[in-house]
């Protein structure tokens, strides 16, 4: 029998954290496309990161206070934490851009950030379709393909850094930026895996 959630608020909270994820991902992509706006965009990402932290805390408090939860408590905690982790990683990537004084743009960074934006949208779609395992599996495959695309861009981009005649500090800072973007995509895939597992378990 297909499960029926007894407390829709958990799902609303997941959706709200996913909105923070999407909003921060879009701003991260804008940051790499328009580095002149970096200060404002980093500020907005930080605000979304704080919002995601607050929502994740609310999820954890609700787990402890709810007598009956619609999903296993461990699954609720895992999903909220992984969604929040993506927002944290986006925030960390944005702060690196400030720390490294990123004032120019590189196409690989924009392409990887675009993969994060697309993965974030797919995560939002999964949150809305958690009771439809086939739809969840389809979106999860999309995220896995985006993670693979990001990996390919990463290896190509890092290789290019060492082929180009760049100052060593430029190589160091951009290699770190690419790694931060790749780590964010990896965590998006972890979110997709958690969602797929939860959906199958509760089908």
N, C-alpha and C. Protein backbone atom coordinates (compact mmCIF):
# COMPACT_ATOMS: atom_id res chain seq x y z
N UNK A 1 0.85 -1.20 0.00
CA UNK A 1 0.00 0.00 0.00
C UNK A 1 0.88 1.25 0.00
N UNK A 2 0.54 2.21 -0.80
CA UNK A 2 1.32 3.44 -0.87
C UNK A 2 1.11 4.23 0.42
N UNK A 3 2.21 4.73 0.98
CA UNK A 3 2.10 5.40 2.27
C UNK A 3 1.45 6.76 2.12
N UNK A 4 0.74 7.17 3.18
CA UNK A 4 0.10 8.48 3.22
C UNK A 4 0.73 9.26 4.37
N UNK A 5 1.36 10.38 4.11
CA UNK A 5 2.01 11.11 5.18
C UNK A 5 1.01 11.58 6.24
N UNK A 6 1.38 11.42 7.50
CA UNK A 6 0.50 11.83 8.59
C UNK A 6 0.80 13.25 9.05
N UNK A 7 1.93 13.76 8.68
CA UNK A 7 2.31 15.11 9.08
C UNK A 7 2.94 15.81 7.88
N UNK A 8 2.11 16.52 7.14
CA UNK A 8 2.58 17.14 5.91
C UNK A 8 3.63 18.22 6.17
N UNK A 9 3.74 18.71 7.39
CA UNK A 9 4.68 19.79 7.67
C UNK A 9 6.11 19.38 7.37
N UNK A 10 6.46 18.11 7.60
CA UNK A 10 7.81 17.66 7.26
C UNK A 10 8.10 17.88 5.78
N UNK A 11 7.12 17.57 4.95
CA UNK A 11 7.31 17.70 3.51
C UNK A 11 7.37 19.18 3.10
N UNK A 12 6.60 20.01 3.81
CA UNK A 12 6.67 21.45 3.55
C UNK A 12 8.05 21.99 3.91
N UNK A 13 8.61 21.49 5.02
CA UNK A 13 9.95 21.92 5.43
C UNK A 13 11.00 21.48 4.42
N UNK A 14 10.88 20.24 3.94
CA UNK A 14 11.82 19.77 2.91
C UNK A 14 11.75 20.69 1.69
N UNK A 15 10.52 21.04 1.29
CA UNK A 15 10.34 21.90 0.11
C UNK A 15 10.95 23.28 0.35
N UNK A 16 10.82 23.80 1.57
CA UNK A 16 11.36 25.12 1.87
C UNK A 16 12.89 25.10 1.87
N UNK A 17 13.49 24.02 2.39
CA UNK A 17 14.95 23.91 2.34
C UNK A 17 15.40 23.80 0.89
N UNK A 18 14.64 23.03 0.08
CA UNK A 18 14.97 22.90 -1.34
C UNK A 18 14.88 24.25 -2.05
N UNK A 19 13.95 25.10 -1.63
CA UNK A 19 13.86 26.44 -2.22
C UNK A 19 15.10 27.26 -1.89
N UNK A 20 15.60 27.12 -0.66
CA UNK A 20 16.85 27.79 -0.29
C UNK A 20 18.00 27.28 -1.15
N UNK A 21 18.01 25.97 -1.38
CA UNK A 21 19.04 25.36 -2.22
C UNK A 21 18.98 25.94 -3.63
N UNK A 22 17.77 25.98 -4.18
CA UNK A 22 17.61 26.50 -5.55
C UNK A 22 18.02 27.96 -5.64
N UNK A 23 17.58 28.75 -4.66
CA UNK A 23 17.90 30.17 -4.68
C UNK A 23 19.39 30.42 -4.58
N UNK A 24 20.06 29.69 -3.72
CA UNK A 24 21.50 29.88 -3.57
C UNK A 24 22.26 29.38 -4.80
N UNK A 25 21.77 28.30 -5.42
CA UNK A 25 22.42 27.78 -6.63
C UNK A 25 22.33 28.79 -7.77
N UNK A 26 21.16 29.39 -7.93
CA UNK A 26 20.99 30.40 -8.99
C UNK A 26 21.94 31.57 -8.76
N UNK A 27 22.06 32.01 -7.52
CA UNK A 27 22.94 33.13 -7.21
C UNK A 27 24.41 32.76 -7.41
N UNK A 28 24.76 31.51 -7.11
CA UNK A 28 26.13 31.07 -7.34
C UNK A 28 26.47 31.13 -8.83
N UNK A 29 25.54 30.68 -9.66
CA UNK A 29 25.75 30.74 -11.10
C UNK A 29 25.89 32.18 -11.57
N UNK A 30 25.07 33.07 -11.01
CA UNK A 30 25.16 34.49 -11.37
C UNK A 30 26.52 35.06 -10.95
N UNK A 31 27.02 34.59 -9.80
CA UNK A 31 28.31 35.07 -9.29
C UNK A 31 29.43 34.80 -10.29
N UNK A 32 29.44 33.60 -10.86
CA UNK A 32 30.50 33.28 -11.81
C UNK A 32 30.29 33.95 -13.17
N UNK A 33 29.04 34.25 -13.50
CA UNK A 33 28.76 34.92 -14.77
C UNK A 33 28.95 36.43 -14.67
N UNK A 34 28.68 36.98 -13.46
CA UNK A 34 28.77 38.43 -13.25
C UNK A 34 29.56 38.71 -11.98
N UNK A 35 30.88 38.48 -11.99
CA UNK A 35 31.69 38.64 -10.78
C UNK A 35 31.65 40.04 -10.18
N UNK A 36 31.25 41.04 -10.95
CA UNK A 36 31.15 42.40 -10.41
C UNK A 36 30.07 42.49 -9.33
N UNK A 37 29.13 41.55 -9.33
CA UNK A 37 28.03 41.55 -8.35
C UNK A 37 28.33 40.64 -7.16
N UNK A 38 29.57 40.23 -7.01
CA UNK A 38 29.92 39.19 -6.04
C UNK A 38 29.49 39.53 -4.61
N UNK A 39 29.70 40.76 -4.18
CA UNK A 39 29.40 41.10 -2.78
C UNK A 39 27.92 40.92 -2.46
N UNK A 40 27.06 41.43 -3.33
CA UNK A 40 25.61 41.32 -3.10
C UNK A 40 25.16 39.86 -3.18
N UNK A 41 25.67 39.13 -4.15
CA UNK A 41 25.25 37.74 -4.33
C UNK A 41 25.70 36.86 -3.17
N UNK A 42 26.91 37.09 -2.68
CA UNK A 42 27.41 36.32 -1.54
C UNK A 42 26.57 36.62 -0.30
N UNK A 43 26.18 37.87 -0.13
CA UNK A 43 25.31 38.24 1.00
C UNK A 43 23.97 37.52 0.91
N UNK A 44 23.40 37.47 -0.28
CA UNK A 44 22.10 36.81 -0.45
C UNK A 44 22.22 35.30 -0.23
N UNK A 45 23.32 34.72 -0.68
CA UNK A 45 23.54 33.28 -0.45
C UNK A 45 23.66 33.00 1.04
N UNK A 46 24.37 33.85 1.77
CA UNK A 46 24.52 33.68 3.22
C UNK A 46 23.16 33.75 3.92
N UNK A 47 22.30 34.66 3.47
CA UNK A 47 20.96 34.76 4.06
C UNK A 47 20.16 33.48 3.82
N UNK A 48 20.29 32.91 2.63
CA UNK A 48 19.60 31.65 2.34
C UNK A 48 20.19 30.50 3.14
N UNK A 49 21.50 30.54 3.36
CA UNK A 49 22.15 29.49 4.16
C UNK A 49 21.65 29.54 5.61
N UNK A 50 21.49 30.75 6.15
CA UNK A 50 20.95 30.89 7.51
C UNK A 50 19.51 30.38 7.56
N UNK A 51 18.73 30.69 6.54
CA UNK A 51 17.34 30.23 6.47
C UNK A 51 17.28 28.71 6.43
N UNK A 52 18.15 28.08 5.64
CA UNK A 52 18.18 26.62 5.55
C UNK A 52 18.56 26.01 6.89
N UNK A 53 19.50 26.62 7.58
CA UNK A 53 19.89 26.13 8.90
C UNK A 53 18.71 26.18 9.87
N UNK A 54 17.96 27.27 9.83
CA UNK A 54 16.80 27.42 10.71
C UNK A 54 15.75 26.36 10.41
N UNK A 55 15.50 26.13 9.13
CA UNK A 55 14.51 25.12 8.73
C UNK A 55 14.96 23.71 9.13
N UNK A 56 16.25 23.44 8.96
CA UNK A 56 16.78 22.13 9.34
C UNK A 56 16.65 21.92 10.84
N UNK A 57 16.90 22.96 11.60
CA UNK A 57 16.72 22.88 13.06
C UNK A 57 15.26 22.60 13.40
N UNK A 58 14.33 23.25 12.68
CA UNK A 58 12.91 23.01 12.91
C UNK A 58 12.54 21.56 12.62
N UNK A 59 13.12 20.99 11.55
CA UNK A 59 12.88 19.58 11.24
C UNK A 59 13.32 18.71 12.42
N UNK A 60 14.51 18.95 12.93
CA UNK A 60 15.04 18.12 14.02
C UNK A 60 14.22 18.27 15.30
N UNK A 61 13.76 19.49 15.59
CA UNK A 61 12.90 19.69 16.76
C UNK A 61 11.58 18.95 16.57
N UNK A 62 11.06 19.00 15.35
CA UNK A 62 9.78 18.35 15.08
C UNK A 62 9.90 16.83 15.18
N UNK A 63 11.05 16.29 14.78
CA UNK A 63 11.28 14.85 14.91
C UNK A 63 11.14 14.44 16.37
N UNK A 64 11.74 15.22 17.24
CA UNK A 64 11.74 14.89 18.67
C UNK A 64 10.37 15.08 19.31
N UNK A 65 9.58 16.02 18.77
CA UNK A 65 8.30 16.34 19.40
C UNK A 65 7.12 15.59 18.79
N UNK A 66 7.31 14.94 17.65
CA UNK A 66 6.22 14.24 16.98
C UNK A 66 6.11 12.81 17.50
N UNK A 67 4.90 12.43 17.85
CA UNK A 67 4.67 11.06 18.32
C UNK A 67 4.73 10.08 17.14
N UNK A 68 4.13 10.48 16.01
CA UNK A 68 4.15 9.65 14.80
C UNK A 68 4.70 10.50 13.66
N UNK A 69 5.68 9.97 12.95
CA UNK A 69 6.25 10.68 11.80
C UNK A 69 5.90 9.94 10.51
N UNK A 70 5.78 10.66 9.40
CA UNK A 70 5.38 10.03 8.14
C UNK A 70 6.47 9.17 7.51
N UNK A 71 7.72 9.41 7.92
CA UNK A 71 8.87 8.63 7.45
C UNK A 71 9.67 8.21 8.68
N UNK A 72 10.58 7.27 8.49
CA UNK A 72 11.48 6.92 9.59
C UNK A 72 12.20 8.17 10.06
N UNK A 73 12.35 8.29 11.36
CA UNK A 73 13.00 9.48 11.91
C UNK A 73 14.41 9.64 11.35
N UNK A 74 15.11 8.52 11.20
CA UNK A 74 16.48 8.58 10.67
C UNK A 74 16.49 9.12 9.25
N UNK A 75 15.48 8.72 8.44
CA UNK A 75 15.40 9.19 7.06
C UNK A 75 15.08 10.69 7.00
N UNK A 76 14.20 11.14 7.88
CA UNK A 76 13.87 12.57 7.93
C UNK A 76 15.11 13.39 8.26
N UNK A 77 15.83 12.95 9.27
CA UNK A 77 17.04 13.66 9.69
C UNK A 77 18.09 13.64 8.57
N UNK A 78 18.27 12.47 7.93
CA UNK A 78 19.26 12.35 6.87
C UNK A 78 18.94 13.28 5.70
N UNK A 79 17.69 13.28 5.28
CA UNK A 79 17.31 14.09 4.12
C UNK A 79 17.48 15.58 4.41
N UNK A 80 16.99 16.02 5.57
CA UNK A 80 17.12 17.44 5.91
C UNK A 80 18.60 17.84 5.99
N UNK A 81 19.41 16.97 6.57
CA UNK A 81 20.83 17.28 6.73
C UNK A 81 21.53 17.37 5.38
N UNK A 82 21.19 16.45 4.47
CA UNK A 82 21.85 16.47 3.16
C UNK A 82 21.41 17.66 2.32
N UNK A 83 20.15 18.02 2.41
CA UNK A 83 19.70 19.23 1.72
C UNK A 83 20.44 20.45 2.25
N UNK A 84 20.54 20.53 3.58
CA UNK A 84 21.23 21.65 4.21
C UNK A 84 22.72 21.64 3.84
N UNK A 85 23.30 20.45 3.71
CA UNK A 85 24.72 20.36 3.33
C UNK A 85 24.99 20.99 1.97
N UNK A 86 24.07 20.79 1.03
CA UNK A 86 24.25 21.39 -0.30
C UNK A 86 24.29 22.91 -0.19
N UNK A 87 23.35 23.47 0.59
CA UNK A 87 23.32 24.92 0.77
C UNK A 87 24.62 25.39 1.44
N UNK A 88 25.09 24.64 2.43
CA UNK A 88 26.35 24.99 3.10
C UNK A 88 27.52 24.99 2.11
N UNK A 89 27.55 24.00 1.23
CA UNK A 89 28.64 23.90 0.26
C UNK A 89 28.58 25.04 -0.76
N UNK A 90 27.37 25.42 -1.16
CA UNK A 90 27.23 26.56 -2.07
C UNK A 90 27.72 27.82 -1.38
N UNK A 91 27.33 27.99 -0.13
CA UNK A 91 27.79 29.15 0.64
C UNK A 91 29.32 29.16 0.77
N UNK A 92 29.89 27.99 1.04
CA UNK A 92 31.34 27.90 1.16
C UNK A 92 32.04 28.23 -0.15
N UNK A 93 31.45 27.79 -1.25
CA UNK A 93 32.03 28.09 -2.57
C UNK A 93 31.98 29.60 -2.84
N UNK A 94 30.86 30.22 -2.49
CA UNK A 94 30.71 31.66 -2.70
C UNK A 94 31.72 32.43 -1.84
N UNK A 95 31.91 31.99 -0.61
CA UNK A 95 32.86 32.67 0.27
C UNK A 95 34.30 32.50 -0.23
N UNK A 96 34.59 31.36 -0.85
CA UNK A 96 35.91 31.17 -1.45
C UNK A 96 36.13 32.18 -2.57
N UNK A 97 35.08 32.42 -3.34
CA UNK A 97 35.21 33.38 -4.44
C UNK A 97 35.60 34.76 -3.92
N UNK A 98 35.06 35.13 -2.75
CA UNK A 98 35.43 36.41 -2.14
C UNK A 98 36.87 36.34 -1.63
N UNK A 99 37.18 35.25 -0.93
CA UNK A 99 38.51 35.09 -0.35
C UNK A 99 39.61 35.13 -1.41
N UNK A 100 39.31 34.53 -2.58
CA UNK A 100 40.30 34.48 -3.65
C UNK A 100 40.24 35.68 -4.59
N UNK A 101 39.36 36.65 -4.26
CA UNK A 101 39.23 37.86 -5.08
C UNK A 101 38.96 37.51 -6.54
N UNK A 102 37.91 36.71 -6.74
CA UNK A 102 37.52 36.35 -8.10
C UNK A 102 36.86 37.56 -8.76
N UNK A 103 37.53 38.14 -9.74
CA UNK A 103 37.00 39.30 -10.44
C UNK A 103 36.84 39.04 -11.94
N UNK A 104 37.23 37.84 -12.38
CA UNK A 104 37.04 37.47 -13.78
C UNK A 104 36.16 36.22 -13.80
N UNK A 105 35.88 35.71 -14.98
CA UNK A 105 35.09 34.49 -15.02
C UNK A 105 35.74 33.47 -15.93
N UNK A 106 35.47 32.22 -15.60
CA UNK A 106 35.98 31.11 -16.41
C UNK A 106 34.80 30.23 -16.80
N UNK A 107 34.77 29.87 -18.06
CA UNK A 107 33.64 29.10 -18.59
C UNK A 107 33.39 27.81 -17.82
N UNK A 108 34.43 27.02 -17.45
CA UNK A 108 34.15 25.77 -16.72
C UNK A 108 33.41 26.01 -15.41
N UNK A 109 33.75 27.08 -14.70
CA UNK A 109 33.05 27.38 -13.44
C UNK A 109 31.59 27.68 -13.70
N UNK A 110 31.30 28.43 -14.75
CA UNK A 110 29.91 28.73 -15.08
C UNK A 110 29.16 27.47 -15.48
N UNK A 111 29.82 26.57 -16.21
CA UNK A 111 29.17 25.33 -16.63
C UNK A 111 28.89 24.42 -15.44
N UNK A 112 29.84 24.34 -14.52
CA UNK A 112 29.62 23.52 -13.32
C UNK A 112 28.52 24.12 -12.45
N UNK A 113 28.52 25.45 -12.31
CA UNK A 113 27.47 26.10 -11.53
C UNK A 113 26.11 25.88 -12.17
N UNK A 114 26.06 25.86 -13.50
CA UNK A 114 24.80 25.59 -14.20
C UNK A 114 24.32 24.16 -13.91
N UNK A 115 25.25 23.22 -13.80
CA UNK A 115 24.88 21.84 -13.43
C UNK A 115 24.26 21.82 -12.04
N UNK A 116 24.81 22.63 -11.13
CA UNK A 116 24.27 22.70 -9.77
C UNK A 116 22.86 23.27 -9.79
N UNK A 117 22.65 24.31 -10.60
CA UNK A 117 21.31 24.89 -10.73
C UNK A 117 20.31 23.83 -11.22
N UNK A 118 20.69 23.10 -12.25
CA UNK A 118 19.79 22.07 -12.80
C UNK A 118 19.54 20.95 -11.79
N UNK A 119 20.59 20.57 -11.06
CA UNK A 119 20.43 19.53 -10.04
C UNK A 119 19.50 20.03 -8.93
N UNK A 120 19.64 21.30 -8.57
CA UNK A 120 18.76 21.87 -7.54
C UNK A 120 17.30 21.85 -7.97
N UNK A 121 17.06 22.17 -9.23
CA UNK A 121 15.68 22.14 -9.74
C UNK A 121 15.13 20.71 -9.70
N UNK A 122 15.97 19.75 -10.07
CA UNK A 122 15.54 18.35 -10.06
C UNK A 122 15.26 17.89 -8.64
N UNK A 123 16.06 18.33 -7.68
CA UNK A 123 15.81 17.98 -6.28
C UNK A 123 14.45 18.53 -5.85
N UNK A 124 14.15 19.76 -6.23
CA UNK A 124 12.84 20.33 -5.92
C UNK A 124 11.71 19.52 -6.52
N UNK A 125 11.90 19.02 -7.73
CA UNK A 125 10.89 18.18 -8.37
C UNK A 125 10.71 16.88 -7.60
N UNK A 126 11.81 16.29 -7.14
CA UNK A 126 11.71 15.04 -6.38
C UNK A 126 10.95 15.27 -5.08
N UNK A 127 11.24 16.37 -4.39
CA UNK A 127 10.55 16.66 -3.13
C UNK A 127 9.04 16.69 -3.36
N UNK A 128 8.63 17.23 -4.49
CA UNK A 128 7.20 17.29 -4.80
C UNK A 128 6.61 15.97 -5.25
N UNK A 129 7.47 15.00 -5.61
CA UNK A 129 7.00 13.71 -6.14
C UNK A 129 7.46 12.53 -5.29
N UNK A 130 7.70 12.75 -4.01
CA UNK A 130 8.27 11.70 -3.18
C UNK A 130 7.40 10.45 -3.09
N UNK A 131 6.11 10.60 -3.34
CA UNK A 131 5.20 9.45 -3.27
C UNK A 131 5.04 8.77 -4.63
N UNK A 132 5.87 9.19 -5.61
CA UNK A 132 5.82 8.59 -6.95
C UNK A 132 7.20 8.05 -7.30
N UNK A 133 7.49 6.80 -6.90
CA UNK A 133 8.85 6.25 -7.09
C UNK A 133 9.39 6.34 -8.51
N UNK A 134 8.54 6.17 -9.51
CA UNK A 134 9.02 6.23 -10.89
C UNK A 134 9.51 7.64 -11.24
N UNK A 135 8.76 8.65 -10.81
CA UNK A 135 9.16 10.03 -11.06
C UNK A 135 10.44 10.36 -10.30
N UNK A 136 10.51 9.87 -9.05
CA UNK A 136 11.70 10.10 -8.23
C UNK A 136 12.93 9.50 -8.92
N UNK A 137 12.79 8.27 -9.40
CA UNK A 137 13.90 7.58 -10.06
C UNK A 137 14.35 8.34 -11.31
N UNK A 138 13.40 8.89 -12.04
CA UNK A 138 13.73 9.64 -13.26
C UNK A 138 14.54 10.89 -12.93
N UNK A 139 14.10 11.64 -11.92
CA UNK A 139 14.82 12.85 -11.52
C UNK A 139 16.17 12.50 -10.92
N UNK A 140 16.23 11.40 -10.17
CA UNK A 140 17.50 10.98 -9.57
C UNK A 140 18.52 10.64 -10.65
N UNK A 141 18.07 10.00 -11.72
CA UNK A 141 18.97 9.70 -12.85
C UNK A 141 19.48 10.98 -13.48
N UNK A 142 18.60 11.96 -13.59
CA UNK A 142 19.00 13.26 -14.15
C UNK A 142 20.11 13.89 -13.31
N UNK A 143 19.97 13.83 -11.99
CA UNK A 143 20.97 14.41 -11.10
C UNK A 143 22.29 13.65 -11.22
N UNK A 144 22.22 12.34 -11.33
CA UNK A 144 23.44 11.54 -11.47
C UNK A 144 24.17 11.88 -12.78
N UNK A 145 23.41 12.10 -13.83
CA UNK A 145 24.02 12.50 -15.10
C UNK A 145 24.65 13.88 -15.00
N UNK A 146 24.01 14.78 -14.26
CA UNK A 146 24.57 16.12 -14.06
C UNK A 146 25.86 16.04 -13.25
N UNK A 147 25.89 15.14 -12.26
CA UNK A 147 27.12 14.96 -11.48
C UNK A 147 28.24 14.43 -12.35
N UNK A 148 27.91 13.50 -13.24
CA UNK A 148 28.92 12.97 -14.16
C UNK A 148 29.40 14.05 -15.12
N UNK A 149 28.48 14.89 -15.58
CA UNK A 149 28.86 16.00 -16.46
C UNK A 149 29.78 16.96 -15.72
N UNK A 150 29.46 17.23 -14.45
CA UNK A 150 30.31 18.10 -13.65
C UNK A 150 31.69 17.52 -13.45
N UNK A 151 31.77 16.20 -13.24
CA UNK A 151 33.08 15.54 -13.11
C UNK A 151 33.91 15.73 -14.37
N UNK A 152 33.28 15.54 -15.52
CA UNK A 152 33.99 15.67 -16.79
C UNK A 152 34.50 17.10 -16.97
N UNK A 153 33.67 18.08 -16.64
CA UNK A 153 34.09 19.48 -16.75
C UNK A 153 35.25 19.74 -15.79
N UNK A 154 35.15 19.20 -14.58
CA UNK A 154 36.20 19.40 -13.57
C UNK A 154 37.55 18.90 -14.07
N UNK A 155 37.60 17.65 -14.55
CA UNK A 155 38.87 17.09 -14.99
C UNK A 155 39.44 17.86 -16.18
N UNK A 156 38.56 18.27 -17.09
CA UNK A 156 39.01 19.05 -18.24
C UNK A 156 39.53 20.42 -17.79
N UNK A 157 38.82 21.04 -16.84
CA UNK A 157 39.19 22.38 -16.39
C UNK A 157 40.50 22.38 -15.62
N UNK A 158 40.68 21.40 -14.74
CA UNK A 158 41.92 21.34 -13.96
C UNK A 158 43.10 21.04 -14.88
N UNK A 159 42.89 20.15 -15.84
CA UNK A 159 43.95 19.88 -16.80
C UNK A 159 44.35 21.12 -17.57
N UNK A 160 43.35 21.93 -17.93
CA UNK A 160 43.62 23.16 -18.68
C UNK A 160 44.43 24.15 -17.85
N UNK A 161 44.18 24.18 -16.53
CA UNK A 161 44.94 25.09 -15.66
C UNK A 161 46.44 24.83 -15.75
N UNK A 162 46.80 23.55 -15.85
CA UNK A 162 48.21 23.19 -15.87
C UNK A 162 48.80 23.26 -17.28
N UNK A 163 47.93 23.37 -18.29
CA UNK A 163 48.42 23.54 -19.66
C UNK A 163 48.65 25.01 -19.98
N UNK A 164 47.85 25.86 -19.34
CA UNK A 164 47.94 27.29 -19.63
C UNK A 164 49.13 27.91 -18.89
N UNK A 165 49.58 29.01 -19.41
CA UNK A 165 50.70 29.72 -18.79
C UNK A 165 50.14 30.71 -17.77
N UNK A 166 49.70 30.15 -16.62
CA UNK A 166 49.08 30.97 -15.58
C UNK A 166 50.01 31.13 -14.39
N UNK A 167 49.90 32.23 -13.67
CA UNK A 167 50.65 32.39 -12.43
C UNK A 167 50.24 31.28 -11.45
N UNK A 168 51.17 30.77 -10.66
CA UNK A 168 50.85 29.68 -9.73
C UNK A 168 49.66 29.96 -8.82
N UNK A 169 49.52 31.19 -8.34
CA UNK A 169 48.40 31.50 -7.46
C UNK A 169 47.06 31.38 -8.18
N UNK A 170 47.04 31.71 -9.47
CA UNK A 170 45.80 31.56 -10.24
C UNK A 170 45.43 30.09 -10.37
N UNK A 171 46.43 29.26 -10.59
CA UNK A 171 46.19 27.81 -10.68
C UNK A 171 45.63 27.29 -9.36
N UNK A 172 46.25 27.70 -8.26
CA UNK A 172 45.82 27.22 -6.94
C UNK A 172 44.38 27.63 -6.65
N UNK A 173 44.06 28.91 -6.89
CA UNK A 173 42.72 29.37 -6.51
C UNK A 173 41.63 28.76 -7.40
N UNK A 174 41.90 28.62 -8.68
CA UNK A 174 40.87 28.07 -9.55
C UNK A 174 40.72 26.55 -9.36
N UNK A 175 41.82 25.88 -9.07
CA UNK A 175 41.71 24.45 -8.77
C UNK A 175 40.84 24.25 -7.54
N UNK A 176 41.02 25.08 -6.54
CA UNK A 176 40.19 25.00 -5.33
C UNK A 176 38.73 25.32 -5.62
N UNK A 177 38.50 26.33 -6.46
CA UNK A 177 37.12 26.67 -6.83
C UNK A 177 36.45 25.52 -7.54
N UNK A 178 37.14 24.91 -8.50
CA UNK A 178 36.56 23.78 -9.23
C UNK A 178 36.26 22.61 -8.28
N UNK A 179 37.15 22.37 -7.32
CA UNK A 179 36.92 21.28 -6.36
C UNK A 179 35.69 21.57 -5.50
N UNK A 180 35.52 22.82 -5.11
CA UNK A 180 34.35 23.19 -4.31
C UNK A 180 33.06 22.97 -5.10
N UNK A 181 33.08 23.33 -6.37
CA UNK A 181 31.90 23.11 -7.22
C UNK A 181 31.62 21.62 -7.40
N UNK A 182 32.68 20.84 -7.59
CA UNK A 182 32.50 19.40 -7.76
C UNK A 182 31.95 18.77 -6.49
N UNK A 183 32.45 19.19 -5.33
CA UNK A 183 31.96 18.65 -4.07
C UNK A 183 30.47 18.96 -3.88
N UNK A 184 30.06 20.13 -4.33
CA UNK A 184 28.64 20.50 -4.23
C UNK A 184 27.78 19.59 -5.09
N UNK A 185 28.25 19.30 -6.30
CA UNK A 185 27.51 18.38 -7.16
C UNK A 185 27.47 16.97 -6.58
N UNK A 186 28.56 16.55 -5.96
CA UNK A 186 28.58 15.24 -5.31
C UNK A 186 27.51 15.17 -4.23
N UNK A 187 27.35 16.24 -3.47
CA UNK A 187 26.35 16.24 -2.40
C UNK A 187 24.94 16.29 -2.97
N UNK A 188 24.76 16.91 -4.13
CA UNK A 188 23.45 16.87 -4.80
C UNK A 188 23.10 15.42 -5.14
N UNK A 189 24.09 14.66 -5.59
CA UNK A 189 23.85 13.26 -5.89
C UNK A 189 23.51 12.49 -4.61
N UNK A 190 24.15 12.82 -3.50
CA UNK A 190 23.83 12.17 -2.23
C UNK A 190 22.38 12.45 -1.82
N UNK A 191 21.92 13.67 -2.07
CA UNK A 191 20.52 14.00 -1.80
C UNK A 191 19.60 13.13 -2.66
N UNK A 192 19.94 13.01 -3.95
CA UNK A 192 19.13 12.21 -4.87
C UNK A 192 19.09 10.75 -4.41
N UNK A 193 20.22 10.22 -3.98
CA UNK A 193 20.27 8.83 -3.52
C UNK A 193 19.39 8.64 -2.29
N UNK A 194 19.44 9.60 -1.36
CA UNK A 194 18.61 9.51 -0.15
C UNK A 194 17.13 9.56 -0.51
N UNK A 195 16.77 10.48 -1.40
CA UNK A 195 15.37 10.61 -1.81
C UNK A 195 14.87 9.35 -2.50
N UNK A 196 15.71 8.78 -3.36
CA UNK A 196 15.32 7.57 -4.07
C UNK A 196 15.11 6.41 -3.09
N UNK A 197 16.02 6.28 -2.13
CA UNK A 197 15.91 5.22 -1.13
C UNK A 197 14.65 5.39 -0.29
N UNK A 198 14.38 6.61 0.16
CA UNK A 198 13.20 6.88 0.97
C UNK A 198 11.93 6.60 0.19
N UNK A 199 11.91 7.01 -1.08
CA UNK A 199 10.72 6.80 -1.91
C UNK A 199 10.42 5.33 -2.09
N UNK A 200 11.46 4.53 -2.36
CA UNK A 200 11.27 3.09 -2.55
C UNK A 200 10.79 2.45 -1.26
N UNK A 201 11.39 2.85 -0.16
CA UNK A 201 11.06 2.26 1.14
C UNK A 201 9.60 2.51 1.52
N UNK A 202 9.07 3.66 1.09
CA UNK A 202 7.71 4.04 1.49
C UNK A 202 6.69 3.89 0.37
N UNK A 203 7.09 3.21 -0.71
CA UNK A 203 6.15 3.02 -1.84
C UNK A 203 5.02 2.08 -1.45
